[in-house]
């Protein structure tokens, strides 16, 4: 059984805390700006891609 990292869960849900922002990430792929990226992807989209209806769903 694994313990739940509630600070990580809050970050994934878009609720960032100073505790999570200030500690070093413990696992996973890391790169400069990763925490900022996680914050940005939680924001609503400014645009949405729409499928082209010509032949949509016909498999070709």
PDB file of N, CA and C in Angstrom:
ATOM      1  N   UNK A   1       0.844  -1.180   0.000  1.00  0.00           N
ATOM      2  CA  UNK A   1       0.000   0.000   0.000  1.00  0.00           C
ATOM      3  C   UNK A   1       0.887   1.241   0.000  1.00  0.00           C
ATOM      4  N   UNK A   2       0.528   2.231  -0.797  1.00  0.00           N
ATOM      5  CA  UNK A   2       1.316   3.447  -0.918  1.00  0.00           C
ATOM      6  C   UNK A   2       0.638   4.592  -0.175  1.00  0.00           C
ATOM      7  N   UNK A   3       1.438   5.470   0.383  1.00  0.00           N
ATOM      8  CA  UNK A   3       0.912   6.658   1.054  1.00  0.00           C
ATOM      9  C   UNK A   3       0.557   7.710   0.013  1.00  0.00           C
ATOM     10  N   UNK A   4      -0.436   8.502   0.296  1.00  0.00           N
ATOM     11  CA  UNK A   4      -0.859   9.575  -0.607  1.00  0.00           C
ATOM     12  C   UNK A   4      -0.070  10.833  -0.282  1.00  0.00           C
ATOM     13  N   UNK A   5       0.542  11.426  -1.298  1.00  0.00           N
ATOM     14  CA  UNK A   5       1.240  12.700  -1.153  1.00  0.00           C
ATOM     15  C   UNK A   5       0.212  13.795  -1.423  1.00  0.00           C
ATOM     16  N   UNK A   6      -0.396  14.323  -0.364  1.00  0.00           N
ATOM     17  CA  UNK A   6      -1.478  15.284  -0.521  1.00  0.00           C
ATOM     18  C   UNK A   6      -1.017  16.592  -1.155  1.00  0.00           C
ATOM     19  N   UNK A   7       0.217  17.007  -0.909  1.00  0.00           N
ATOM     20  CA  UNK A   7       0.724  18.224  -1.546  1.00  0.00           C
ATOM     21  C   UNK A   7       0.840  18.014  -3.053  1.00  0.00           C
ATOM     22  N   UNK A   8       1.280  16.838  -3.472  1.00  0.00           N
ATOM     23  CA  UNK A   8       1.369  16.521  -4.909  1.00  0.00           C
ATOM     24  C   UNK A   8      -0.029  16.468  -5.520  1.00  0.00           C
ATOM     25  N   UNK A   9      -0.982  15.860  -4.811  1.00  0.00           N
ATOM     26  CA  UNK A   9      -2.356  15.783  -5.289  1.00  0.00           C
ATOM     27  C   UNK A   9      -2.947  17.176  -5.459  1.00  0.00           C
ATOM     28  N   UNK A  10      -2.735  18.051  -4.492  1.00  0.00           N
ATOM     29  CA  UNK A  10      -3.232  19.428  -4.592  1.00  0.00           C
ATOM     30  C   UNK A  10      -2.622  20.133  -5.802  1.00  0.00           C
ATOM     31  N   UNK A  11      -1.327  19.910  -6.041  1.00  0.00           N
ATOM     32  CA  UNK A  11      -0.663  20.535  -7.185  1.00  0.00           C
ATOM     33  C   UNK A  11      -1.260  20.040  -8.489  1.00  0.00           C
ATOM     34  N   UNK A  12      -1.539  18.745  -8.579  1.00  0.00           N
ATOM     35  CA  UNK A  12      -2.143  18.188  -9.792  1.00  0.00           C
ATOM     36  C   UNK A  12      -3.540  18.749 -10.015  1.00  0.00           C
ATOM     37  N   UNK A  13      -4.242  19.070  -8.940  1.00  0.00           N
ATOM     38  CA  UNK A  13      -5.593  19.622  -9.041  1.00  0.00           C
ATOM     39  C   UNK A  13      -5.587  21.138  -9.187  1.00  0.00           C
ATOM     40  N   UNK A  14      -4.403  21.740  -9.214  1.00  0.00           N
ATOM     41  CA  UNK A  14      -4.302  23.170  -9.429  1.00  0.00           C
ATOM     42  C   UNK A  14      -4.256  23.992  -8.163  1.00  0.00           C
ATOM     43  N   UNK A  15      -4.149  23.379  -7.005  1.00  0.00           N
ATOM     44  CA  UNK A  15      -4.066  24.093  -5.738  1.00  0.00           C
ATOM     45  C   UNK A  15      -2.623  24.042  -5.251  1.00  0.00           C
ATOM     46  N   UNK A  16      -1.827  25.013  -5.660  1.00  0.00           N
ATOM     47  CA  UNK A  16      -0.417  25.023  -5.310  1.00  0.00           C
ATOM     48  C   UNK A  16      -0.221  25.689  -3.960  1.00  0.00           C
ATOM     49  N   UNK A  17       0.633  25.123  -3.152  1.00  0.00           N
ATOM     50  CA  UNK A  17       0.953  25.705  -1.856  1.00  0.00           C
ATOM     51  C   UNK A  17       2.423  26.092  -1.843  1.00  0.00           C
ATOM     52  N   UNK A  18       2.769  26.985  -0.934  1.00  0.00           N
ATOM     53  CA  UNK A  18       4.169  27.390  -0.817  1.00  0.00           C
ATOM     54  C   UNK A  18       5.040  26.201  -0.433  1.00  0.00           C
ATOM     55  N   UNK A  19       4.514  25.292   0.366  1.00  0.00           N
ATOM     56  CA  UNK A  19       5.283  24.115   0.768  1.00  0.00           C
ATOM     57  C   UNK A  19       5.665  23.305  -0.464  1.00  0.00           C
ATOM     58  N   UNK A  20       4.715  23.067  -1.357  1.00  0.00           N
ATOM     59  CA  UNK A  20       4.996  22.277  -2.558  1.00  0.00           C
ATOM     60  C   UNK A  20       5.911  23.042  -3.503  1.00  0.00           C
ATOM     61  N   UNK A  21       5.665  24.343  -3.664  1.00  0.00           N
ATOM     62  CA  UNK A  21       6.470  25.133  -4.587  1.00  0.00           C
ATOM     63  C   UNK A  21       7.931  25.217  -4.159  1.00  0.00           C
ATOM     64  N   UNK A  22       8.186  25.203  -2.855  1.00  0.00           N
ATOM     65  CA  UNK A  22       9.544  25.426  -2.372  1.00  0.00           C
ATOM     66  C   UNK A  22      10.360  24.154  -2.168  1.00  0.00           C
ATOM     67  N   UNK A  23       9.750  22.986  -2.164  1.00  0.00           N
ATOM     68  CA  UNK A  23      10.564  21.783  -1.977  1.00  0.00           C
ATOM     69  C   UNK A  23      10.959  21.196  -3.324  1.00  0.00           C
ATOM     70  N   UNK A  24      12.059  20.493  -3.308  1.00  0.00           N
ATOM     71  CA  UNK A  24      12.579  19.881  -4.535  1.00  0.00           C
ATOM     72  C   UNK A  24      11.706  18.690  -4.900  1.00  0.00           C
ATOM     73  N   UNK A  25      11.432  18.545  -6.175  1.00  0.00           N
ATOM     74  CA  UNK A  25      10.635  17.415  -6.635  1.00  0.00           C
ATOM     75  C   UNK A  25      11.376  16.130  -6.311  1.00  0.00           C
ATOM     76  N   UNK A  26      10.653  15.140  -5.809  1.00  0.00           N
ATOM     77  CA  UNK A  26      11.289  13.941  -5.302  1.00  0.00           C
ATOM     78  C   UNK A  26      11.469  12.849  -6.334  1.00  0.00           C
ATOM     79  N   UNK A  27      10.678  12.806  -7.360  1.00  0.00           N
ATOM     80  CA  UNK A  27      10.775  11.721  -8.329  1.00  0.00           C
ATOM     81  C   UNK A  27      10.228  12.193  -9.661  1.00  0.00           C
ATOM     82  N   UNK A  28      10.450  11.405 -10.690  1.00  0.00           N
ATOM     83  CA  UNK A  28       9.946  11.740 -12.011  1.00  0.00           C
ATOM     84  C   UNK A  28      10.975  12.510 -12.818  1.00  0.00           C
ATOM     85  N   UNK A  29      10.613  12.787 -14.033  1.00  0.00           N
ATOM     86  CA  UNK A  29      11.491  13.563 -14.902  1.00  0.00           C
ATOM     87  C   UNK A  29      11.490  15.008 -14.435  1.00  0.00           C
ATOM     88  N   UNK A  30      12.645  15.621 -14.419  1.00  0.00           N
ATOM     89  CA  UNK A  30      12.759  16.998 -13.953  1.00  0.00           C
ATOM     90  C   UNK A  30      13.417  17.857 -15.019  1.00  0.00           C
ATOM     91  N   UNK A  31      13.034  19.110 -15.071  1.00  0.00           N
ATOM     92  CA  UNK A  31      13.662  20.082 -15.949  1.00  0.00           C
ATOM     93  C   UNK A  31      13.388  21.461 -15.369  1.00  0.00           C
ATOM     94  N   UNK A  32      14.211  22.446 -15.714  1.00  0.00           N
ATOM     95  CA  UNK A  32      13.979  23.799 -15.216  1.00  0.00           C
ATOM     96  C   UNK A  32      12.619  24.316 -15.694  1.00  0.00           C
ATOM     97  N   UNK A  33      11.833  24.853 -14.791  1.00  0.00           N
ATOM     98  CA  UNK A  33      10.534  25.405 -15.151  1.00  0.00           C
ATOM     99  C   UNK A  33       9.388  24.412 -15.108  1.00  0.00           C
ATOM    100  N   UNK A  34       9.634  23.206 -14.616  1.00  0.00           N
ATOM    101  CA  UNK A  34       8.586  22.181 -14.604  1.00  0.00           C
ATOM    102  C   UNK A  34       7.396  22.610 -13.748  1.00  0.00           C
ATOM    103  N   UNK A  35       7.644  23.183 -12.565  1.00  0.00           N
ATOM    104  CA  UNK A  35       6.540  23.607 -11.705  1.00  0.00           C
ATOM    105  C   UNK A  35       5.720  24.711 -12.364  1.00  0.00           C
ATOM    106  N   UNK A  36       6.391  25.631 -13.050  1.00  0.00           N
ATOM    107  CA  UNK A  36       5.663  26.682 -13.766  1.00  0.00           C
ATOM    108  C   UNK A  36       4.805  26.083 -14.868  1.00  0.00           C
ATOM    109  N   UNK A  37       5.323  25.073 -15.543  1.00  0.00           N
ATOM    110  CA  UNK A  37       4.574  24.383 -16.593  1.00  0.00           C
ATOM    111  C   UNK A  37       3.314  23.748 -16.020  1.00  0.00           C
ATOM    112  N   UNK A  38       3.434  23.101 -14.857  1.00  0.00           N
ATOM    113  CA  UNK A  38       2.272  22.477 -14.224  1.00  0.00           C
ATOM    114  C   UNK A  38       1.196  23.506 -13.890  1.00  0.00           C
ATOM    115  N   UNK A  39       1.616  24.706 -13.498  1.00  0.00           N
ATOM    116  CA  UNK A  39       0.648  25.767 -13.197  1.00  0.00           C
ATOM    117  C   UNK A  39      -0.061  26.228 -14.471  1.00  0.00           C
ATOM    118  N   UNK A  40       0.696  26.386 -15.546  1.00  0.00           N
ATOM    119  CA  UNK A  40       0.132  26.873 -16.806  1.00  0.00           C
ATOM    120  C   UNK A  40      -0.870  25.884 -17.389  1.00  0.00           C
ATOM    121  N   UNK A  41      -0.581  24.593 -17.330  1.00  0.00           N
ATOM    122  CA  UNK A  41      -1.490  23.622 -17.941  1.00  0.00           C
ATOM    123  C   UNK A  41      -2.791  23.470 -17.171  1.00  0.00           C
ATOM    124  N   UNK A  42      -2.867  24.015 -15.960  1.00  0.00           N
ATOM    125  CA  UNK A  42      -4.107  23.982 -15.189  1.00  0.00           C
ATOM    126  C   UNK A  42      -5.059  25.109 -15.596  1.00  0.00           C
ATOM    127  N   UNK A  43      -4.565  26.086 -16.368  1.00  0.00           N
ATOM    128  CA  UNK A  43      -5.397  27.213 -16.791  1.00  0.00           C
ATOM    129  C   UNK A  43      -6.313  26.790 -17.937  1.00  0.00           C
ATOM    130  N   UNK A  44      -7.506  27.391 -18.014  1.00  0.00           N
ATOM    131  CA  UNK A  44      -8.423  27.061 -19.113  1.00  0.00           C
ATOM    132  C   UNK A  44      -7.809  27.405 -20.476  1.00  0.00           C
ATOM    133  N   UNK A  45      -8.179  26.642 -21.476  1.00  0.00           N
ATOM    134  CA  UNK A  45      -7.694  26.855 -22.836  1.00  0.00           C
ATOM    135  C   UNK A  45      -8.267  28.145 -23.410  1.00  0.00           C
ATOM    136  N   UNK A  46      -7.472  28.828 -24.220  1.00  0.00           N
ATOM    137  CA  UNK A  46      -7.937  30.037 -24.893  1.00  0.00           C
ATOM    138  C   UNK A  46      -8.558  29.712 -26.247  1.00  0.00           C
ATOM    139  N   UNK A  47      -8.319  28.521 -26.751  1.00  0.00           N
ATOM    140  CA  UNK A  47      -8.845  28.105 -28.047  1.00  0.00           C
ATOM    141  C   UNK A  47      -9.011  26.588 -28.051  1.00  0.00           C
ATOM    142  N   UNK A  48      -9.856  26.108 -28.918  1.00  0.00           N
ATOM    143  CA  UNK A  48     -10.100  24.677 -29.015  1.00  0.00           C
ATOM    144  C   UNK A  48      -9.997  24.253 -30.470  1.00  0.00           C
ATOM    145  N   UNK A  49      -9.333  23.136 -30.714  1.00  0.00           N
ATOM    146  CA  UNK A  49      -9.272  22.596 -32.068  1.00  0.00           C
ATOM    147  C   UNK A  49     -10.589  21.900 -32.371  1.00  0.00           C
ATOM    148  N   UNK A  50     -11.095  22.112 -33.561  1.00  0.00           N
ATOM    149  CA  UNK A  50     -12.340  21.472 -33.980  1.00  0.00           C
ATOM    150  C   UNK A  50     -12.046  20.540 -35.144  1.00  0.00           C
ATOM    151  N   UNK A  51     -12.657  19.364 -35.175  1.00  0.00           N
ATOM    152  CA  UNK A  51     -12.408  18.442 -36.288  1.00  0.00           C
ATOM    153  C   UNK A  51     -13.007  18.968 -37.588  1.00  0.00           C
ATOM    154  N   UNK A  52     -12.345  18.666 -38.675  1.00  0.00           N
ATOM    155  CA  UNK A  52     -12.873  18.996 -39.989  1.00  0.00           C
ATOM    156  C   UNK A  52     -13.987  17.996 -40.284  1.00  0.00           C
ATOM    157  N   UNK A  53     -15.175  18.462 -40.590  1.00  0.00           N
ATOM    158  CA  UNK A  53     -16.326  17.576 -40.777  1.00  0.00           C
ATOM    159  C   UNK A  53     -16.268  16.794 -42.089  1.00  0.00           C
ATOM    160  N   UNK A  54     -15.446  17.187 -43.015  1.00  0.00           N
ATOM    161  CA  UNK A  54     -15.326  16.487 -44.280  1.00  0.00           C
ATOM    162  C   UNK A  54     -14.668  15.136 -44.040  1.00  0.00           C
ATOM    163  N   UNK A  55     -15.428  14.076 -44.100  1.00  0.00           N
ATOM    164  CA  UNK A  55     -14.902  12.738 -43.902  1.00  0.00           C
ATOM    165  C   UNK A  55     -14.627  12.389 -42.451  1.00  0.00           C
ATOM    166  N   UNK A  56     -15.113  13.188 -41.528  1.00  0.00           N
ATOM    167  CA  UNK A  56     -14.869  12.932 -40.108  1.00  0.00           C
ATOM    168  C   UNK A  56     -15.541  11.633 -39.681  1.00  0.00           C
ATOM    169  N   UNK A  57     -14.768  10.732 -39.102  1.00  0.00           N
ATOM    170  CA  UNK A  57     -15.303   9.473 -38.612  1.00  0.00           C
ATOM    171  C   UNK A  57     -15.474   8.400 -39.668  1.00  0.00           C
ATOM    172  N   UNK A  58     -15.074   8.658 -40.900  1.00  0.00           N
ATOM    173  CA  UNK A  58     -15.237   7.658 -41.958  1.00  0.00           C
ATOM    174  C   UNK A  58     -14.038   6.715 -42.049  1.00  0.00           C
ATOM    175  N   UNK A  59     -13.019   6.968 -41.227  1.00  0.00           N
ATOM    176  CA  UNK A  59     -11.840   6.100 -41.232  1.00  0.00           C
ATOM    177  C   UNK A  59     -10.847   6.436 -42.320  1.00  0.00           C
ATOM    178  N   UNK A  60     -11.049   7.504 -43.011  1.00  0.00           N
ATOM    179  CA  UNK A  60     -10.104   7.807 -44.078  1.00  0.00           C
ATOM    180  C   UNK A  60      -9.813   9.232 -44.250  1.00  0.00           C
TER     181      UNK A  60
END
